[in-house]
N, C-alpha and C. Protein backbone atom coordinates (compact mmCIF):
# COMPACT_ATOMS: atom_id res chain seq x y z
N MET A 1 111.88 97.18 83.08
CA MET A 1 110.85 98.16 83.36
C MET A 1 110.72 98.32 84.87
N ALA A 2 110.71 99.56 85.34
CA ALA A 2 110.63 99.83 86.78
C ALA A 2 109.23 99.55 87.29
N LYS A 3 109.17 98.97 88.49
CA LYS A 3 107.85 98.70 89.07
C LYS A 3 107.27 99.99 89.64
N PRO A 4 105.93 100.09 89.68
CA PRO A 4 105.32 101.30 90.21
C PRO A 4 105.62 101.47 91.69
N THR A 5 105.56 102.73 92.14
CA THR A 5 105.84 103.04 93.53
C THR A 5 104.72 102.59 94.45
N PHE A 6 103.49 102.55 93.92
CA PHE A 6 102.33 102.20 94.73
C PHE A 6 101.70 100.90 94.25
N ASN A 7 101.08 100.19 95.19
CA ASN A 7 100.25 99.04 94.88
C ASN A 7 98.92 99.62 94.40
N LEU A 8 98.55 99.35 93.16
CA LEU A 8 97.39 99.98 92.54
C LEU A 8 96.10 99.71 93.31
N LYS A 9 95.92 98.49 93.81
CA LYS A 9 94.70 98.17 94.55
C LYS A 9 94.58 99.04 95.80
N TRP A 10 95.65 99.13 96.59
CA TRP A 10 95.60 99.92 97.82
C TRP A 10 95.57 101.41 97.55
N LEU A 11 96.22 101.82 96.48
CA LEU A 11 96.17 103.24 96.10
C LEU A 11 94.75 103.63 95.71
N THR A 12 94.06 102.75 95.01
CA THR A 12 92.67 103.01 94.63
C THR A 12 91.78 103.10 95.87
N ILE A 13 91.96 102.17 96.81
CA ILE A 13 91.19 102.20 98.06
C ILE A 13 91.48 103.48 98.83
N ALA A 14 92.75 103.85 98.93
CA ALA A 14 93.13 105.08 99.65
C ALA A 14 92.52 106.31 99.00
N THR A 15 92.54 106.36 97.68
CA THR A 15 91.98 107.50 96.95
C THR A 15 90.47 107.57 97.12
N LEU A 16 89.79 106.43 97.02
CA LEU A 16 88.33 106.41 97.20
C LEU A 16 87.94 106.82 98.61
N PHE A 17 88.67 106.31 99.61
CA PHE A 17 88.37 106.68 101.00
C PHE A 17 88.59 108.17 101.21
N THR A 18 89.66 108.71 100.64
CA THR A 18 89.94 110.14 100.75
C THR A 18 88.82 110.96 100.10
N ALA A 19 88.35 110.52 98.95
CA ALA A 19 87.25 111.22 98.28
C ALA A 19 85.99 111.20 99.14
N ILE A 20 85.71 110.08 99.78
CA ILE A 20 84.54 109.98 100.66
C ILE A 20 84.67 110.95 101.84
N VAL A 21 85.85 111.00 102.45
CA VAL A 21 86.08 111.92 103.57
C VAL A 21 85.88 113.36 103.11
N LEU A 22 86.42 113.70 101.95
CA LEU A 22 86.27 115.07 101.44
C LEU A 22 84.81 115.39 101.13
N LEU A 23 84.08 114.44 100.60
CA LEU A 23 82.65 114.66 100.36
C LEU A 23 81.90 114.88 101.67
N LEU A 24 82.21 114.08 102.67
CA LEU A 24 81.53 114.22 103.96
C LEU A 24 81.84 115.55 104.65
N THR A 25 83.07 116.03 104.48
CA THR A 25 83.44 117.29 105.12
C THR A 25 82.89 118.50 104.37
N HIS A 26 82.26 118.25 103.23
CA HIS A 26 81.69 119.35 102.45
C HIS A 26 80.16 119.29 102.38
N ILE A 27 79.56 118.53 103.27
CA ILE A 27 78.11 118.55 103.40
C ILE A 27 77.76 119.83 104.15
N PRO A 28 76.86 120.65 103.59
CA PRO A 28 76.51 121.91 104.27
C PRO A 28 76.04 121.68 105.71
N GLN A 29 76.40 122.60 106.58
CA GLN A 29 76.12 122.49 108.02
C GLN A 29 74.63 122.29 108.31
N ASP A 30 73.77 122.99 107.58
CA ASP A 30 72.34 122.89 107.85
C ASP A 30 71.74 121.55 107.43
N VAL A 31 72.46 120.76 106.64
CA VAL A 31 71.99 119.44 106.20
C VAL A 31 72.54 118.34 107.11
N MET A 32 73.60 118.65 107.85
CA MET A 32 74.23 117.66 108.72
C MET A 32 73.28 117.22 109.84
N PRO A 33 73.20 115.92 110.13
CA PRO A 33 72.41 115.46 111.28
C PRO A 33 72.94 116.07 112.57
N SER A 34 72.05 116.47 113.47
CA SER A 34 72.47 117.13 114.70
C SER A 34 73.33 116.23 115.58
N GLY A 35 73.14 114.91 115.47
CA GLY A 35 73.95 113.97 116.25
C GLY A 35 75.42 114.00 115.90
N LEU A 36 75.73 114.44 114.67
CA LEU A 36 77.12 114.53 114.24
C LEU A 36 77.76 115.87 114.59
N GLN A 37 76.98 116.77 115.15
CA GLN A 37 77.48 118.10 115.45
C GLN A 37 77.80 118.28 116.94
N VAL A 38 78.12 117.19 117.62
CA VAL A 38 78.46 117.24 119.05
C VAL A 38 79.84 117.86 119.20
N SER A 39 79.94 118.85 120.06
CA SER A 39 81.20 119.57 120.26
C SER A 39 82.30 118.63 120.75
N GLY A 40 83.46 118.74 120.15
CA GLY A 40 84.61 117.93 120.55
C GLY A 40 84.73 116.64 119.76
N LEU A 41 83.59 116.03 119.45
CA LEU A 41 83.63 114.78 118.68
C LEU A 41 84.12 115.01 117.26
N ASP A 42 83.89 116.22 116.74
CA ASP A 42 84.35 116.49 115.39
C ASP A 42 85.87 116.47 115.30
N LYS A 43 86.55 116.87 116.37
CA LYS A 43 88.03 116.83 116.37
C LYS A 43 88.51 115.38 116.34
N LEU A 44 87.85 114.54 117.12
CA LEU A 44 88.19 113.11 117.12
C LEU A 44 87.93 112.51 115.74
N ALA A 45 86.80 112.90 115.13
CA ALA A 45 86.47 112.40 113.79
C ALA A 45 87.53 112.84 112.78
N HIS A 46 88.00 114.08 112.88
CA HIS A 46 89.05 114.56 111.98
C HIS A 46 90.33 113.75 112.17
N ALA A 47 90.75 113.54 113.41
CA ALA A 47 91.98 112.79 113.67
C ALA A 47 91.86 111.35 113.15
N LEU A 48 90.72 110.73 113.41
CA LEU A 48 90.52 109.35 112.95
C LEU A 48 90.46 109.25 111.42
N ALA A 49 89.75 110.19 110.80
CA ALA A 49 89.62 110.16 109.34
C ALA A 49 90.97 110.36 108.65
N TYR A 50 91.72 111.35 109.12
CA TYR A 50 93.02 111.60 108.49
C TYR A 50 94.06 110.55 108.88
N GLY A 51 93.89 109.95 110.05
CA GLY A 51 94.73 108.81 110.41
C GLY A 51 94.46 107.64 109.49
N ALA A 52 93.19 107.38 109.19
CA ALA A 52 92.81 106.29 108.29
C ALA A 52 93.32 106.54 106.88
N ILE A 53 93.19 107.79 106.41
CA ILE A 53 93.73 108.14 105.09
C ILE A 53 95.23 107.83 105.06
N THR A 54 95.93 108.22 106.10
CA THR A 54 97.38 108.00 106.17
C THR A 54 97.71 106.52 106.17
N ILE A 55 96.98 105.73 106.97
CA ILE A 55 97.21 104.28 107.00
C ILE A 55 97.06 103.70 105.59
N LEU A 56 96.00 104.07 104.91
CA LEU A 56 95.75 103.51 103.58
C LEU A 56 96.85 103.88 102.58
N PHE A 57 97.33 105.11 102.65
CA PHE A 57 98.41 105.49 101.73
C PHE A 57 99.73 104.82 102.11
N VAL A 58 99.99 104.64 103.40
CA VAL A 58 101.21 103.93 103.81
C VAL A 58 101.16 102.49 103.32
N VAL A 59 100.02 101.84 103.48
CA VAL A 59 99.86 100.45 103.04
C VAL A 59 99.98 100.35 101.52
N SER A 60 99.60 101.41 100.82
CA SER A 60 99.68 101.37 99.35
C SER A 60 101.11 101.51 98.82
N LEU A 61 102.04 101.91 99.68
CA LEU A 61 103.44 102.03 99.23
C LEU A 61 104.01 100.66 98.88
N ARG A 62 104.62 100.55 97.73
CA ARG A 62 105.20 99.28 97.31
C ARG A 62 106.62 99.14 97.88
N ASP A 63 107.30 100.25 98.00
CA ASP A 63 108.66 100.22 98.54
C ASP A 63 108.61 100.28 100.06
N ARG A 64 109.73 100.03 100.67
CA ARG A 64 109.79 100.08 102.13
C ARG A 64 109.41 101.46 102.64
N PHE A 65 108.74 101.46 103.77
CA PHE A 65 108.37 102.70 104.43
C PHE A 65 109.64 103.34 104.97
N SER A 66 109.89 104.58 104.60
CA SER A 66 111.13 105.25 105.00
C SER A 66 110.81 106.64 105.55
N LEU A 67 111.84 107.28 106.06
CA LEU A 67 111.68 108.64 106.55
C LEU A 67 111.27 109.57 105.40
N LEU A 68 111.82 109.34 104.22
CA LEU A 68 111.47 110.16 103.06
C LEU A 68 110.01 109.96 102.66
N SER A 69 109.55 108.72 102.62
CA SER A 69 108.14 108.49 102.26
C SER A 69 107.22 109.03 103.35
N ALA A 70 107.63 108.93 104.61
CA ALA A 70 106.83 109.48 105.71
C ALA A 70 106.72 111.00 105.57
N ALA A 71 107.82 111.66 105.25
CA ALA A 71 107.81 113.11 105.09
C ALA A 71 106.93 113.52 103.91
N ALA A 72 107.05 112.79 102.80
CA ALA A 72 106.23 113.10 101.62
C ALA A 72 104.75 112.92 101.93
N LEU A 73 104.40 111.83 102.60
CA LEU A 73 103.00 111.61 102.97
C LEU A 73 102.52 112.67 103.95
N PHE A 74 103.37 113.02 104.91
CA PHE A 74 102.98 114.05 105.88
C PHE A 74 102.63 115.35 105.18
N PHE A 75 103.50 115.81 104.30
CA PHE A 75 103.26 117.08 103.63
C PHE A 75 102.07 117.01 102.68
N ALA A 76 101.93 115.91 101.94
CA ALA A 76 100.82 115.78 100.99
C ALA A 76 99.47 115.71 101.71
N ILE A 77 99.38 114.88 102.75
CA ILE A 77 98.10 114.71 103.44
C ILE A 77 97.79 115.94 104.30
N SER A 78 98.81 116.57 104.85
CA SER A 78 98.60 117.82 105.60
C SER A 78 98.09 118.93 104.68
N ALA A 79 98.65 119.01 103.48
CA ALA A 79 98.18 120.00 102.51
C ALA A 79 96.74 119.70 102.10
N LEU A 80 96.42 118.43 101.93
CA LEU A 80 95.05 118.03 101.62
C LEU A 80 94.10 118.49 102.73
N GLY A 81 94.50 118.31 103.98
CA GLY A 81 93.68 118.74 105.11
C GLY A 81 93.47 120.25 105.11
N ALA A 82 94.52 120.99 104.77
CA ALA A 82 94.41 122.45 104.71
C ALA A 82 93.45 122.87 103.59
N VAL A 83 93.58 122.25 102.43
CA VAL A 83 92.68 122.56 101.32
C VAL A 83 91.24 122.18 101.69
N ASP A 84 91.09 121.06 102.37
CA ASP A 84 89.77 120.62 102.84
C ASP A 84 89.14 121.71 103.71
N GLU A 85 89.89 122.22 104.66
CA GLU A 85 89.37 123.27 105.54
C GLU A 85 89.10 124.57 104.79
N LEU A 86 90.01 124.96 103.93
CA LEU A 86 89.88 126.24 103.23
C LEU A 86 88.73 126.26 102.23
N THR A 87 88.32 125.10 101.74
CA THR A 87 87.22 125.05 100.77
C THR A 87 85.85 124.86 101.43
N GLN A 88 85.80 124.58 102.71
CA GLN A 88 84.52 124.36 103.37
C GLN A 88 83.61 125.60 103.38
N PRO A 89 84.13 126.81 103.50
CA PRO A 89 83.23 127.98 103.43
C PRO A 89 82.46 128.07 102.10
N LEU A 90 82.96 127.43 101.06
CA LEU A 90 82.27 127.46 99.76
C LEU A 90 80.93 126.73 99.82
N VAL A 91 80.76 125.84 100.82
CA VAL A 91 79.51 125.08 100.97
C VAL A 91 78.83 125.40 102.30
N ASN A 92 79.05 126.60 102.77
CA ASN A 92 78.39 127.08 104.00
C ASN A 92 78.84 126.32 105.25
N ARG A 93 80.10 125.93 105.29
CA ARG A 93 80.68 125.31 106.47
C ARG A 93 81.73 126.28 107.02
N THR A 94 82.16 126.03 108.24
CA THR A 94 83.15 126.89 108.87
C THR A 94 84.53 126.23 108.79
N ALA A 95 85.49 126.97 108.26
CA ALA A 95 86.88 126.49 108.25
C ALA A 95 87.45 126.71 109.65
N SER A 96 88.15 125.71 110.14
CA SER A 96 88.69 125.81 111.49
C SER A 96 90.14 125.35 111.53
N PRO A 97 91.03 126.20 112.04
CA PRO A 97 92.42 125.76 112.19
C PRO A 97 92.53 124.60 113.19
N PHE A 98 91.58 124.51 114.12
CA PHE A 98 91.61 123.41 115.09
C PHE A 98 91.24 122.08 114.44
N ASP A 99 90.36 122.12 113.44
CA ASP A 99 90.07 120.90 112.68
C ASP A 99 91.32 120.45 111.93
N TRP A 100 92.03 121.42 111.34
CA TRP A 100 93.25 121.07 110.62
C TRP A 100 94.30 120.50 111.58
N LEU A 101 94.40 121.08 112.78
CA LEU A 101 95.33 120.54 113.78
C LEU A 101 94.95 119.11 114.16
N ALA A 102 93.66 118.84 114.25
CA ALA A 102 93.21 117.48 114.53
C ALA A 102 93.60 116.55 113.38
N ASP A 103 93.49 117.04 112.14
CA ASP A 103 93.95 116.25 110.98
C ASP A 103 95.43 115.92 111.14
N LEU A 104 96.22 116.92 111.53
CA LEU A 104 97.66 116.72 111.70
C LEU A 104 97.98 115.71 112.80
N VAL A 105 97.19 115.72 113.86
CA VAL A 105 97.38 114.74 114.93
C VAL A 105 97.18 113.33 114.39
N GLY A 106 96.13 113.14 113.58
CA GLY A 106 95.88 111.83 112.99
C GLY A 106 97.00 111.39 112.06
N VAL A 107 97.44 112.28 111.19
CA VAL A 107 98.51 111.97 110.24
C VAL A 107 99.81 111.66 110.99
N THR A 108 100.18 112.53 111.90
CA THR A 108 101.45 112.38 112.63
C THR A 108 101.46 111.11 113.48
N SER A 109 100.36 110.83 114.15
CA SER A 109 100.29 109.64 115.01
C SER A 109 100.51 108.37 114.21
N VAL A 110 99.85 108.28 113.07
CA VAL A 110 99.98 107.08 112.24
C VAL A 110 101.40 106.96 111.69
N LEU A 111 101.95 108.05 111.18
CA LEU A 111 103.30 107.99 110.62
C LEU A 111 104.33 107.63 111.69
N LEU A 112 104.19 108.21 112.87
CA LEU A 112 105.11 107.85 113.96
C LEU A 112 104.97 106.38 114.34
N LEU A 113 103.76 105.91 114.42
CA LEU A 113 103.51 104.50 114.76
C LEU A 113 104.15 103.58 113.72
N PHE A 114 103.94 103.86 112.44
CA PHE A 114 104.54 103.03 111.39
C PHE A 114 106.07 103.12 111.44
N TYR A 115 106.60 104.32 111.62
CA TYR A 115 108.05 104.48 111.60
C TYR A 115 108.70 103.78 112.80
N ILE A 116 108.12 103.95 113.98
CA ILE A 116 108.67 103.30 115.17
C ILE A 116 108.56 101.78 115.06
N THR A 117 107.41 101.30 114.57
CA THR A 117 107.23 99.86 114.39
C THR A 117 108.22 99.32 113.38
N ARG A 118 108.41 100.02 112.28
CA ARG A 118 109.37 99.60 111.25
C ARG A 118 110.78 99.53 111.82
N PHE A 119 111.14 100.53 112.63
CA PHE A 119 112.47 100.56 113.24
C PHE A 119 112.65 99.36 114.16
N LYS A 120 111.64 99.05 114.97
CA LYS A 120 111.75 97.91 115.89
C LYS A 120 111.81 96.59 115.15
N ILE A 121 111.00 96.43 114.11
CA ILE A 121 111.03 95.18 113.33
C ILE A 121 112.38 95.04 112.65
N ARG A 122 112.89 96.11 112.10
CA ARG A 122 114.18 96.06 111.40
C ARG A 122 115.30 95.71 112.39
N ARG A 123 115.22 96.25 113.62
CA ARG A 123 116.24 95.96 114.63
C ARG A 123 116.19 94.49 115.04
N LEU A 124 114.98 93.94 115.17
CA LEU A 124 114.84 92.55 115.59
C LEU A 124 115.18 91.58 114.46
N ASN A 125 114.80 91.91 113.24
CA ASN A 125 115.05 91.05 112.10
C ASN A 125 115.26 91.91 110.86
N PRO A 126 116.51 92.13 110.47
CA PRO A 126 116.80 93.01 109.35
C PRO A 126 116.24 92.51 108.02
N GLN A 127 115.85 91.25 107.92
CA GLN A 127 115.32 90.70 106.67
C GLN A 127 113.85 91.05 106.46
N LYS A 128 113.14 91.42 107.53
CA LYS A 128 111.71 91.73 107.43
C LYS A 128 111.53 93.23 107.25
N SER A 129 110.42 93.58 106.60
CA SER A 129 110.09 94.99 106.47
C SER A 129 108.60 95.15 106.66
N LEU A 130 108.21 96.33 107.07
CA LEU A 130 106.80 96.67 107.24
C LEU A 130 106.39 97.50 106.04
N CYS A 131 105.31 97.13 105.41
CA CYS A 131 104.79 97.87 104.26
C CYS A 131 105.77 97.86 103.10
N GLY A 132 106.32 96.76 102.80
CA GLY A 132 107.21 96.67 101.66
C GLY A 132 107.65 95.25 101.45
N GLU A 133 108.30 95.05 100.35
CA GLU A 133 108.80 93.72 100.05
C GLU A 133 110.23 93.62 100.52
N SER A 134 110.59 92.47 101.07
CA SER A 134 111.96 92.33 101.56
C SER A 134 112.88 91.76 100.51
């Protein structure tokens, strides 16, 4: 029997965290605390939130982190960010392409960091792997 592609515990954590982020991004603007509406900080929050989502999904991978898994995660999480932005007007929020770009910065930064780190670890010791079983 083939083993699952994801570690169920980490996949559950990643999914729950993603749901929390999506809930927070759909709180109507007039209900949001004014302290959270500081200009510029929302872009940082988007990058950090989507970076954290990416980290959790990378950690949930049971197989070795690869270029293929990085590409799949990039497209899936980027699409999630786009859907997140496109659905915000339904709850009286403003959809912003700049928020989505901030999401992409978070996703891309994490994936590049994991991929570069994996490459360096593999070069130093081919028996070790990052985010996978050796």
